[in-house]
């Protein structure tokens, strides 16, 4: 795990992130891959960088706030029923634990997240 210490900066758009496969039962279409790295776990929260390649996958969310660094995607909400969110660089989103989502990624999405 790459970790940051106080007063040290990292370029989150370029931070190397190891790949992890999307669980087969979560893939809706395509062959999406995800990868992430937690860069700090302190003060009762985690800060990290997450990426999803083109494709469609389902997820059950954790509490988090994130900022999109790169990419083009849509989050649809299966539960609770909410309007979809279009994601582009600069989008800031708050997700709550238990939300059931479908991520349609058209261009590799990279975000920085903060989770409790």
N, C-alpha and C. Protein backbone atom coordinates (compact mmCIF):
# COMPACT_ATOMS: atom_id res chain seq x y z
N UNK A 1 0.84 -1.17 0.00
CA UNK A 1 0.00 0.00 0.00
C UNK A 1 0.89 1.24 0.00
N UNK A 2 0.56 2.19 -0.85
CA UNK A 2 1.24 3.47 -0.86
C UNK A 2 0.60 4.33 0.21
N UNK A 3 1.41 4.94 1.05
CA UNK A 3 0.86 5.78 2.12
C UNK A 3 1.44 7.17 2.02
N UNK A 4 0.63 8.16 2.38
CA UNK A 4 1.07 9.54 2.44
C UNK A 4 1.27 9.91 3.90
N UNK A 5 2.22 10.75 4.16
CA UNK A 5 2.40 11.28 5.51
C UNK A 5 2.09 12.76 5.46
N UNK A 6 1.87 13.37 6.61
CA UNK A 6 1.53 14.79 6.66
C UNK A 6 2.58 15.61 5.93
N UNK A 7 2.10 16.55 5.14
CA UNK A 7 2.99 17.43 4.41
C UNK A 7 3.56 16.84 3.14
N UNK A 8 3.15 15.62 2.75
CA UNK A 8 3.65 14.99 1.53
C UNK A 8 2.49 14.94 0.53
N UNK A 9 2.79 15.31 -0.70
CA UNK A 9 1.77 15.33 -1.74
C UNK A 9 1.98 14.18 -2.72
N UNK A 10 0.90 13.77 -3.37
CA UNK A 10 0.97 12.76 -4.43
C UNK A 10 0.10 13.24 -5.58
N UNK A 11 0.48 12.91 -6.79
CA UNK A 11 -0.31 13.23 -7.97
C UNK A 11 -1.31 12.09 -8.17
N UNK A 12 -2.54 12.27 -7.68
CA UNK A 12 -3.54 11.20 -7.72
C UNK A 12 -3.89 10.79 -9.14
N UNK A 13 -3.71 11.68 -10.10
CA UNK A 13 -4.00 11.33 -11.49
C UNK A 13 -2.95 10.38 -12.06
N UNK A 14 -1.77 10.34 -11.46
CA UNK A 14 -0.68 9.50 -11.95
C UNK A 14 -0.27 8.40 -10.99
N UNK A 15 -0.85 8.36 -9.79
CA UNK A 15 -0.47 7.39 -8.78
C UNK A 15 -0.65 5.97 -9.31
N UNK A 16 0.40 5.14 -9.27
CA UNK A 16 0.24 3.77 -9.76
C UNK A 16 -0.71 2.99 -8.86
N UNK A 17 -1.63 2.30 -9.49
CA UNK A 17 -2.66 1.57 -8.75
C UNK A 17 -2.69 0.14 -9.27
N UNK A 18 -2.54 -0.87 -8.40
CA UNK A 18 -2.58 -2.26 -8.86
C UNK A 18 -4.00 -2.69 -9.25
N UNK A 19 -4.12 -3.49 -10.31
CA UNK A 19 -5.43 -3.98 -10.77
C UNK A 19 -5.98 -5.07 -9.86
N UNK A 20 -7.32 -5.11 -9.76
CA UNK A 20 -8.05 -6.19 -9.13
C UNK A 20 -9.20 -6.53 -10.06
N UNK A 21 -9.51 -7.80 -10.27
CA UNK A 21 -10.62 -8.15 -11.17
C UNK A 21 -11.98 -7.79 -10.57
N UNK A 22 -12.92 -7.44 -11.44
CA UNK A 22 -14.31 -7.25 -11.02
C UNK A 22 -14.89 -8.64 -10.78
N UNK A 23 -15.59 -8.81 -9.67
CA UNK A 23 -16.23 -10.10 -9.40
C UNK A 23 -17.20 -10.43 -10.53
N UNK A 24 -17.16 -11.67 -11.00
CA UNK A 24 -17.95 -12.11 -12.15
C UNK A 24 -19.43 -11.80 -11.98
N UNK A 25 -19.97 -12.02 -10.78
CA UNK A 25 -21.40 -11.79 -10.56
C UNK A 25 -21.79 -10.32 -10.56
N UNK A 26 -20.81 -9.42 -10.56
CA UNK A 26 -21.08 -7.98 -10.61
C UNK A 26 -21.00 -7.41 -12.02
N UNK A 27 -20.43 -8.15 -12.97
CA UNK A 27 -20.29 -7.66 -14.34
C UNK A 27 -21.63 -7.75 -15.05
N UNK A 28 -22.08 -6.62 -15.61
CA UNK A 28 -23.32 -6.57 -16.37
C UNK A 28 -23.01 -6.73 -17.85
N UNK A 29 -21.99 -6.01 -18.33
CA UNK A 29 -21.57 -6.15 -19.73
C UNK A 29 -20.14 -5.68 -19.89
N UNK A 30 -19.52 -6.15 -20.97
CA UNK A 30 -18.13 -5.82 -21.22
C UNK A 30 -17.20 -6.63 -20.34
N UNK A 31 -15.97 -6.17 -20.25
CA UNK A 31 -14.96 -6.83 -19.42
C UNK A 31 -14.27 -5.78 -18.55
N UNK A 32 -15.04 -5.12 -17.67
CA UNK A 32 -14.45 -4.06 -16.87
C UNK A 32 -13.46 -4.59 -15.84
N UNK A 33 -12.48 -3.78 -15.56
CA UNK A 33 -11.50 -4.04 -14.51
C UNK A 33 -11.56 -2.88 -13.52
N UNK A 34 -11.27 -3.16 -12.27
CA UNK A 34 -11.14 -2.09 -11.28
C UNK A 34 -9.79 -2.22 -10.60
N UNK A 35 -9.37 -1.14 -10.03
CA UNK A 35 -8.15 -1.14 -9.24
C UNK A 35 -8.23 0.02 -8.26
N UNK A 36 -7.55 -0.16 -7.13
CA UNK A 36 -7.56 0.91 -6.13
C UNK A 36 -6.32 0.81 -5.26
N UNK A 37 -6.04 1.90 -4.59
CA UNK A 37 -4.99 1.92 -3.58
C UNK A 37 -5.43 2.89 -2.49
N UNK A 38 -5.35 2.44 -1.24
CA UNK A 38 -5.59 3.33 -0.10
C UNK A 38 -4.29 4.06 0.17
N UNK A 39 -4.33 5.38 0.18
CA UNK A 39 -3.10 6.14 0.39
C UNK A 39 -2.96 6.65 1.82
N UNK A 40 -4.08 6.63 2.57
CA UNK A 40 -4.00 7.06 3.97
C UNK A 40 -5.15 6.44 4.74
N UNK A 41 -4.83 5.89 5.90
CA UNK A 41 -5.85 5.36 6.80
C UNK A 41 -5.53 5.89 8.19
N UNK A 42 -6.14 7.02 8.52
CA UNK A 42 -5.91 7.61 9.83
C UNK A 42 -7.12 8.46 10.19
N UNK A 43 -7.19 8.87 11.43
CA UNK A 43 -8.26 9.73 11.92
C UNK A 43 -9.65 9.15 11.62
N UNK A 44 -9.75 7.82 11.61
CA UNK A 44 -11.04 7.18 11.43
C UNK A 44 -11.59 7.22 10.01
N UNK A 45 -10.72 7.46 9.02
CA UNK A 45 -11.18 7.48 7.64
C UNK A 45 -10.09 6.97 6.71
N UNK A 46 -10.51 6.62 5.49
CA UNK A 46 -9.59 6.13 4.47
C UNK A 46 -9.66 7.06 3.26
N UNK A 47 -8.51 7.41 2.72
CA UNK A 47 -8.42 8.18 1.48
C UNK A 47 -7.74 7.28 0.47
N UNK A 48 -8.30 7.22 -0.73
CA UNK A 48 -7.70 6.36 -1.74
C UNK A 48 -8.00 6.81 -3.15
N UNK A 49 -7.45 6.07 -4.09
CA UNK A 49 -7.67 6.29 -5.52
C UNK A 49 -8.25 5.01 -6.09
N UNK A 50 -9.31 5.14 -6.90
CA UNK A 50 -10.02 3.99 -7.47
C UNK A 50 -10.20 4.22 -8.96
N UNK A 51 -10.16 3.14 -9.72
CA UNK A 51 -10.30 3.24 -11.17
C UNK A 51 -11.18 2.10 -11.68
N UNK A 52 -11.95 2.36 -12.74
CA UNK A 52 -12.83 1.38 -13.37
C UNK A 52 -12.69 1.58 -14.88
N UNK A 53 -12.34 0.51 -15.60
CA UNK A 53 -12.18 0.59 -17.05
C UNK A 53 -13.56 0.47 -17.71
N UNK A 54 -13.66 0.76 -19.03
CA UNK A 54 -14.96 0.71 -19.70
C UNK A 54 -15.68 -0.63 -19.53
N UNK A 55 -16.98 -0.52 -19.33
CA UNK A 55 -17.84 -1.66 -19.11
C UNK A 55 -18.92 -1.28 -18.12
N UNK A 56 -19.76 -2.24 -17.77
CA UNK A 56 -20.87 -2.00 -16.86
C UNK A 56 -20.81 -3.01 -15.72
N UNK A 57 -20.91 -2.51 -14.48
CA UNK A 57 -20.90 -3.41 -13.32
C UNK A 57 -21.84 -2.90 -12.24
N UNK A 58 -22.28 -3.84 -11.40
CA UNK A 58 -23.14 -3.53 -10.25
C UNK A 58 -22.27 -3.44 -9.00
N UNK A 59 -22.77 -2.71 -8.01
CA UNK A 59 -22.06 -2.63 -6.74
C UNK A 59 -23.04 -2.30 -5.63
N UNK A 60 -22.66 -2.63 -4.41
CA UNK A 60 -23.34 -2.17 -3.21
C UNK A 60 -22.35 -1.24 -2.53
N UNK A 61 -22.74 0.00 -2.37
CA UNK A 61 -21.81 1.04 -1.96
C UNK A 61 -21.52 1.07 -0.46
N UNK A 62 -20.37 1.64 -0.15
CA UNK A 62 -19.99 1.99 1.21
C UNK A 62 -20.18 3.50 1.35
N UNK A 63 -20.18 4.00 2.57
CA UNK A 63 -20.21 5.46 2.76
C UNK A 63 -18.95 6.04 2.17
N UNK A 64 -19.08 7.05 1.32
CA UNK A 64 -17.92 7.72 0.78
C UNK A 64 -18.30 9.02 0.10
N UNK A 65 -17.32 9.88 -0.02
CA UNK A 65 -17.38 11.07 -0.84
C UNK A 65 -16.22 10.93 -1.82
N UNK A 66 -16.46 11.26 -3.10
CA UNK A 66 -15.38 11.17 -4.06
C UNK A 66 -15.39 12.31 -5.06
N UNK A 67 -14.22 12.54 -5.65
CA UNK A 67 -14.04 13.53 -6.70
C UNK A 67 -13.49 12.80 -7.91
N UNK A 68 -14.12 12.99 -9.06
CA UNK A 68 -13.68 12.35 -10.30
C UNK A 68 -12.49 13.12 -10.86
N UNK A 69 -11.40 12.39 -11.13
CA UNK A 69 -10.21 12.98 -11.72
C UNK A 69 -10.21 12.87 -13.24
N UNK A 70 -10.72 11.74 -13.75
CA UNK A 70 -10.70 11.49 -15.18
C UNK A 70 -11.81 10.52 -15.53
N UNK A 71 -12.26 10.57 -16.79
CA UNK A 71 -13.20 9.58 -17.29
C UNK A 71 -14.58 10.11 -17.59
N UNK A 72 -15.45 9.19 -17.99
CA UNK A 72 -16.82 9.49 -18.37
C UNK A 72 -17.67 8.29 -18.00
N UNK A 73 -18.66 8.50 -17.13
CA UNK A 73 -19.46 7.38 -16.64
C UNK A 73 -20.81 7.88 -16.13
N UNK A 74 -21.69 6.92 -15.88
CA UNK A 74 -22.99 7.19 -15.28
C UNK A 74 -23.19 6.20 -14.14
N UNK A 75 -23.70 6.71 -13.02
CA UNK A 75 -24.14 5.83 -11.92
C UNK A 75 -25.66 5.83 -11.93
N UNK A 76 -26.25 4.64 -12.02
CA UNK A 76 -27.69 4.49 -11.88
C UNK A 76 -27.95 3.84 -10.52
N UNK A 77 -29.04 4.21 -9.91
CA UNK A 77 -29.38 3.73 -8.57
C UNK A 77 -30.56 2.75 -8.66
N UNK A 78 -30.28 1.49 -8.29
CA UNK A 78 -31.34 0.48 -8.25
C UNK A 78 -32.11 0.58 -6.94
N UNK A 79 -31.39 0.89 -5.85
CA UNK A 79 -31.99 1.00 -4.53
C UNK A 79 -31.14 1.95 -3.71
N UNK A 80 -31.60 3.05 -3.21
CA UNK A 80 -32.92 3.60 -3.45
C UNK A 80 -33.05 4.12 -4.88
N UNK A 81 -34.28 4.29 -5.34
CA UNK A 81 -34.52 4.80 -6.69
C UNK A 81 -34.23 6.30 -6.69
N UNK A 82 -33.14 6.66 -7.33
CA UNK A 82 -32.73 8.06 -7.46
C UNK A 82 -32.40 8.34 -8.92
N UNK A 83 -32.37 9.61 -9.33
CA UNK A 83 -31.97 9.91 -10.70
C UNK A 83 -30.49 9.52 -10.92
N UNK A 84 -30.14 9.14 -12.16
CA UNK A 84 -28.75 8.80 -12.44
C UNK A 84 -27.85 10.02 -12.29
N UNK A 85 -26.57 9.77 -12.05
CA UNK A 85 -25.57 10.83 -11.94
C UNK A 85 -24.56 10.65 -13.07
N UNK A 86 -24.34 11.73 -13.81
CA UNK A 86 -23.30 11.73 -14.85
C UNK A 86 -21.98 12.12 -14.21
N UNK A 87 -20.94 11.34 -14.47
CA UNK A 87 -19.63 11.60 -13.87
C UNK A 87 -18.66 12.09 -14.94
N UNK A 88 -18.00 13.19 -14.64
CA UNK A 88 -16.97 13.79 -15.48
C UNK A 88 -15.89 14.34 -14.55
N UNK A 89 -14.71 14.66 -15.07
CA UNK A 89 -13.69 15.25 -14.20
C UNK A 89 -14.25 16.46 -13.44
N UNK A 90 -14.02 16.45 -12.14
CA UNK A 90 -14.51 17.52 -11.28
C UNK A 90 -15.79 17.18 -10.56
N UNK A 91 -16.51 16.13 -10.97
CA UNK A 91 -17.75 15.73 -10.27
C UNK A 91 -17.42 15.36 -8.83
N UNK A 92 -18.25 15.84 -7.90
CA UNK A 92 -18.14 15.49 -6.48
C UNK A 92 -19.42 14.76 -6.10
N UNK A 93 -19.28 13.56 -5.52
CA UNK A 93 -20.44 12.71 -5.25
C UNK A 93 -20.36 12.17 -3.83
N UNK A 94 -21.52 12.04 -3.20
CA UNK A 94 -21.65 11.42 -1.87
C UNK A 94 -22.51 10.18 -2.02
N UNK A 95 -21.98 9.03 -1.66
CA UNK A 95 -22.73 7.77 -1.67
C UNK A 95 -22.91 7.30 -0.23
N UNK A 96 -24.03 6.61 0.02
CA UNK A 96 -24.31 6.09 1.35
C UNK A 96 -24.22 4.57 1.34
N UNK A 97 -23.81 4.01 2.46
CA UNK A 97 -23.68 2.56 2.59
C UNK A 97 -25.00 1.88 2.24
N UNK A 98 -24.91 0.80 1.46
CA UNK A 98 -26.06 0.00 1.11
C UNK A 98 -26.72 0.37 -0.21
N UNK A 99 -26.38 1.54 -0.77
CA UNK A 99 -26.95 1.90 -2.07
C UNK A 99 -26.57 0.83 -3.10
N UNK A 100 -27.56 0.41 -3.90
CA UNK A 100 -27.29 -0.56 -4.96
C UNK A 100 -27.20 0.21 -6.27
N UNK A 101 -26.04 0.11 -6.92
CA UNK A 101 -25.75 0.95 -8.08
C UNK A 101 -25.34 0.12 -9.28
N UNK A 102 -25.47 0.75 -10.46
CA UNK A 102 -24.94 0.20 -11.70
C UNK A 102 -24.04 1.29 -12.29
N UNK A 103 -22.78 0.95 -12.51
CA UNK A 103 -21.79 1.87 -13.06
C UNK A 103 -21.60 1.57 -14.54
N UNK A 104 -21.93 2.53 -15.40
CA UNK A 104 -21.69 2.41 -16.83
C UNK A 104 -20.53 3.33 -17.16
N UNK A 105 -19.38 2.72 -17.44
CA UNK A 105 -18.16 3.49 -17.67
C UNK A 105 -17.84 3.47 -19.16
N UNK A 106 -17.83 4.67 -19.75
CA UNK A 106 -17.55 4.81 -21.18
C UNK A 106 -16.07 5.10 -21.45
N UNK A 107 -15.45 5.80 -20.52
CA UNK A 107 -14.02 6.12 -20.59
C UNK A 107 -13.46 5.88 -19.19
N UNK A 108 -12.32 5.22 -19.09
CA UNK A 108 -11.78 4.82 -17.78
C UNK A 108 -11.96 5.93 -16.75
N UNK A 109 -12.61 5.56 -15.64
CA UNK A 109 -12.94 6.49 -14.56
C UNK A 109 -11.91 6.36 -13.45
N UNK A 110 -11.39 7.49 -12.99
CA UNK A 110 -10.48 7.51 -11.85
C UNK A 110 -10.99 8.55 -10.87
N UNK A 111 -11.08 8.13 -9.59
CA UNK A 111 -11.59 9.03 -8.56
C UNK A 111 -10.71 8.96 -7.33
N UNK A 112 -10.76 10.03 -6.53
CA UNK A 112 -10.17 10.04 -5.20
C UNK A 112 -11.34 9.99 -4.23
N UNK A 113 -11.27 9.05 -3.28
CA UNK A 113 -12.39 8.88 -2.35
C UNK A 113 -11.94 9.06 -0.91
N UNK A 114 -12.91 9.45 -0.08
CA UNK A 114 -12.74 9.53 1.36
C UNK A 114 -13.89 8.73 1.96
N UNK A 115 -13.55 7.74 2.79
CA UNK A 115 -14.55 6.88 3.41
C UNK A 115 -14.26 6.75 4.90
N UNK A 116 -15.34 6.66 5.70
CA UNK A 116 -15.11 6.48 7.14
C UNK A 116 -14.58 5.08 7.45
